[in-house]
Amino acid sequence: MPSPSSPCEHRLLFASLFHPGRGVAVPCDAQGEVHMDELTERLKNAYLGARALMGREYAYPVVEAVHSLH
C-alpha cells in the first residue's frame, strides 16, 4: 500500500466492451477532468474516439487512482 507521501495520479479508463483487458486510458484529475492540451495528438484522438463510441465499443469511463513508485 502506498504511503501518504507517495504521489497519486489519476487516469480515465474506457474499457473495451469486446476485448477484455484493452481500452483507452488518459491522464485526468481526481474528478475525471482531462486536460486535452496536455495530451499527445495520438492520445487525444484515442480519447475523442473512445468518448464517441461509449456504449458501443467502450464502457462508460471510470476514474482510477494510479500510485507512482517515485
N, C-alpha and C. Protein backbone atom coordinates (compact mmCIF):
# COMPACT_ATOMS: atom_id res chain seq x y z
N MET A 1 0.85 -1.18 0.00
CA MET A 1 0.00 0.00 0.00
C MET A 1 0.89 1.24 0.00
N PRO A 2 0.60 2.21 -0.85
CA PRO A 2 1.43 3.40 -0.93
C PRO A 2 1.36 4.21 0.36
N SER A 3 2.46 4.88 0.67
CA SER A 3 2.46 5.74 1.84
C SER A 3 1.75 7.04 1.51
N PRO A 4 1.29 7.78 2.52
CA PRO A 4 0.58 9.04 2.26
C PRO A 4 1.43 10.03 1.49
N SER A 5 2.78 9.91 1.55
CA SER A 5 3.63 10.84 0.83
C SER A 5 3.85 10.44 -0.62
N SER A 6 3.40 9.25 -1.02
CA SER A 6 3.55 8.82 -2.41
C SER A 6 2.63 9.64 -3.32
N PRO A 7 3.18 10.12 -4.44
CA PRO A 7 2.32 10.87 -5.35
C PRO A 7 1.21 9.98 -5.92
N CYS A 8 0.06 10.54 -6.09
CA CYS A 8 -1.07 9.81 -6.64
C CYS A 8 -1.58 10.57 -7.85
N GLU A 9 -1.69 9.88 -8.94
CA GLU A 9 -2.24 10.46 -10.15
C GLU A 9 -3.51 9.70 -10.49
N HIS A 10 -4.22 10.18 -11.46
CA HIS A 10 -5.47 9.52 -11.87
C HIS A 10 -5.49 9.33 -13.37
N ARG A 11 -6.28 8.37 -13.78
CA ARG A 11 -6.49 8.16 -15.21
C ARG A 11 -7.96 7.85 -15.43
N LEU A 12 -8.43 8.23 -16.59
CA LEU A 12 -9.80 7.96 -17.01
C LEU A 12 -9.72 6.76 -17.93
N LEU A 13 -10.38 5.68 -17.56
CA LEU A 13 -10.29 4.43 -18.31
C LEU A 13 -11.60 4.12 -19.01
N PHE A 14 -11.52 3.96 -20.32
CA PHE A 14 -12.63 3.49 -21.15
C PHE A 14 -12.30 2.04 -21.50
N ALA A 15 -12.90 1.08 -20.83
CA ALA A 15 -12.63 -0.34 -21.09
C ALA A 15 -13.34 -0.78 -22.36
N SER A 16 -12.66 -1.63 -23.13
CA SER A 16 -13.27 -2.19 -24.33
C SER A 16 -14.41 -3.12 -23.95
N LEU A 17 -15.52 -3.03 -24.66
CA LEU A 17 -16.66 -3.93 -24.40
C LEU A 17 -16.46 -5.30 -25.03
N PHE A 18 -15.53 -5.39 -25.99
CA PHE A 18 -15.37 -6.64 -26.74
C PHE A 18 -14.02 -7.31 -26.56
N HIS A 19 -13.04 -6.61 -26.01
CA HIS A 19 -11.70 -7.16 -25.82
C HIS A 19 -11.26 -6.93 -24.38
N PRO A 20 -11.56 -7.88 -23.48
CA PRO A 20 -11.20 -7.73 -22.07
C PRO A 20 -9.72 -7.39 -21.89
N GLY A 21 -9.47 -6.45 -21.00
CA GLY A 21 -8.10 -6.05 -20.73
C GLY A 21 -7.59 -4.95 -21.64
N ARG A 22 -8.39 -4.56 -22.63
CA ARG A 22 -7.98 -3.50 -23.55
C ARG A 22 -8.89 -2.30 -23.35
N GLY A 23 -8.44 -1.18 -23.81
CA GLY A 23 -9.23 0.04 -23.69
C GLY A 23 -8.37 1.26 -23.93
N VAL A 24 -8.88 2.40 -23.55
CA VAL A 24 -8.19 3.67 -23.69
C VAL A 24 -8.10 4.29 -22.31
N ALA A 25 -6.89 4.68 -21.90
CA ALA A 25 -6.68 5.33 -20.61
C ALA A 25 -5.95 6.64 -20.84
N VAL A 26 -6.48 7.69 -20.26
CA VAL A 26 -5.87 9.02 -20.39
C VAL A 26 -5.70 9.63 -19.01
N PRO A 27 -4.65 10.42 -18.82
CA PRO A 27 -4.47 11.09 -17.53
C PRO A 27 -5.59 12.08 -17.26
N CYS A 28 -5.97 12.20 -16.00
CA CYS A 28 -7.04 13.12 -15.62
C CYS A 28 -6.82 13.55 -14.18
N ASP A 29 -7.67 14.44 -13.69
CA ASP A 29 -7.61 14.81 -12.28
C ASP A 29 -8.53 13.87 -11.48
N ALA A 30 -8.62 14.09 -10.19
CA ALA A 30 -9.41 13.21 -9.33
C ALA A 30 -10.89 13.20 -9.67
N GLN A 31 -11.38 14.25 -10.34
CA GLN A 31 -12.79 14.33 -10.72
C GLN A 31 -13.03 13.78 -12.12
N GLY A 32 -11.98 13.32 -12.81
CA GLY A 32 -12.13 12.77 -14.14
C GLY A 32 -12.00 13.78 -15.26
N GLU A 33 -11.56 15.00 -14.94
CA GLU A 33 -11.41 16.02 -15.98
C GLU A 33 -10.09 15.81 -16.70
N VAL A 34 -10.17 15.74 -18.01
CA VAL A 34 -8.99 15.54 -18.86
C VAL A 34 -8.56 16.91 -19.39
N HIS A 35 -7.27 17.18 -19.30
CA HIS A 35 -6.71 18.42 -19.83
C HIS A 35 -6.14 18.11 -21.21
N MET A 36 -6.96 18.33 -22.22
CA MET A 36 -6.63 17.91 -23.57
C MET A 36 -5.37 18.57 -24.12
N ASP A 37 -5.06 19.79 -23.67
CA ASP A 37 -3.87 20.46 -24.17
C ASP A 37 -2.59 19.79 -23.69
N GLU A 38 -2.68 18.89 -22.71
CA GLU A 38 -1.52 18.16 -22.20
C GLU A 38 -1.36 16.79 -22.85
N LEU A 39 -2.31 16.38 -23.71
CA LEU A 39 -2.24 15.07 -24.35
C LEU A 39 -1.47 15.14 -25.65
N THR A 40 -0.83 14.03 -26.02
CA THR A 40 -0.22 13.94 -27.34
C THR A 40 -1.34 13.87 -28.37
N GLU A 41 -1.03 14.13 -29.60
CA GLU A 41 -2.05 14.09 -30.66
C GLU A 41 -2.67 12.69 -30.76
N ARG A 42 -1.85 11.67 -30.65
CA ARG A 42 -2.34 10.29 -30.74
C ARG A 42 -3.29 9.96 -29.58
N LEU A 43 -2.90 10.35 -28.36
CA LEU A 43 -3.75 10.08 -27.20
C LEU A 43 -5.03 10.90 -27.24
N LYS A 44 -4.93 12.12 -27.74
CA LYS A 44 -6.12 12.97 -27.88
C LYS A 44 -7.12 12.32 -28.84
N ASN A 45 -6.62 11.79 -29.97
CA ASN A 45 -7.50 11.13 -30.93
C ASN A 45 -8.13 9.87 -30.35
N ALA A 46 -7.36 9.10 -29.59
CA ALA A 46 -7.89 7.89 -28.95
C ALA A 46 -8.97 8.26 -27.93
N TYR A 47 -8.73 9.30 -27.15
CA TYR A 47 -9.69 9.76 -26.14
C TYR A 47 -10.99 10.22 -26.80
N LEU A 48 -10.88 11.03 -27.83
CA LEU A 48 -12.09 11.52 -28.52
C LEU A 48 -12.84 10.37 -29.18
N GLY A 49 -12.11 9.41 -29.73
CA GLY A 49 -12.75 8.24 -30.33
C GLY A 49 -13.48 7.40 -29.29
N ALA A 50 -12.86 7.20 -28.13
CA ALA A 50 -13.49 6.42 -27.06
C ALA A 50 -14.74 7.12 -26.55
N ARG A 51 -14.67 8.45 -26.42
CA ARG A 51 -15.85 9.21 -25.98
C ARG A 51 -17.00 9.05 -26.98
N ALA A 52 -16.67 9.09 -28.27
CA ALA A 52 -17.70 8.99 -29.30
C ALA A 52 -18.32 7.59 -29.35
N LEU A 53 -17.57 6.58 -28.91
CA LEU A 53 -18.04 5.20 -29.01
C LEU A 53 -18.46 4.59 -27.67
N MET A 54 -18.67 5.45 -26.66
CA MET A 54 -19.15 4.94 -25.36
C MET A 54 -20.48 4.23 -25.55
N GLY A 55 -20.58 3.06 -24.96
CA GLY A 55 -21.81 2.29 -25.04
C GLY A 55 -21.90 1.41 -26.27
N ARG A 56 -21.00 1.64 -27.23
CA ARG A 56 -20.99 0.81 -28.45
C ARG A 56 -19.72 -0.02 -28.55
N GLU A 57 -18.57 0.61 -28.34
CA GLU A 57 -17.28 -0.09 -28.38
C GLU A 57 -16.60 -0.08 -27.01
N TYR A 58 -16.88 0.99 -26.25
CA TYR A 58 -16.23 1.17 -24.95
C TYR A 58 -17.27 1.35 -23.85
N ALA A 59 -16.90 0.90 -22.66
CA ALA A 59 -17.75 1.11 -21.48
C ALA A 59 -17.67 2.59 -21.09
N TYR A 60 -18.63 3.02 -20.30
CA TYR A 60 -18.56 4.38 -19.77
C TYR A 60 -17.32 4.45 -18.88
N PRO A 61 -16.62 5.56 -18.89
CA PRO A 61 -15.31 5.63 -18.22
C PRO A 61 -15.41 5.65 -16.70
N VAL A 62 -14.33 5.19 -16.10
CA VAL A 62 -14.17 5.24 -14.65
C VAL A 62 -12.84 5.92 -14.34
N VAL A 63 -12.80 6.63 -13.22
CA VAL A 63 -11.57 7.26 -12.77
C VAL A 63 -10.85 6.27 -11.87
N GLU A 64 -9.58 6.04 -12.16
CA GLU A 64 -8.76 5.14 -11.35
C GLU A 64 -7.58 5.91 -10.78
N ALA A 65 -7.24 5.65 -9.52
CA ALA A 65 -6.04 6.22 -8.92
C ALA A 65 -4.84 5.38 -9.37
N VAL A 66 -3.78 6.05 -9.74
CA VAL A 66 -2.56 5.39 -10.15
C VAL A 66 -1.47 5.88 -9.20
N HIS A 67 -0.94 4.99 -8.38
CA HIS A 67 0.06 5.37 -7.40
C HIS A 67 1.45 5.20 -8.00
N SER A 68 2.21 6.26 -7.98
CA SER A 68 3.56 6.25 -8.52
C SER A 68 4.52 5.70 -7.49
N LEU A 69 5.55 5.03 -7.96
CA LEU A 69 6.57 4.47 -7.06
C LEU A 69 7.72 5.45 -6.85
N HIS A 70 7.66 6.62 -7.45
CA HIS A 70 8.76 7.60 -7.33
C HIS A 70 8.67 8.33 -6.02
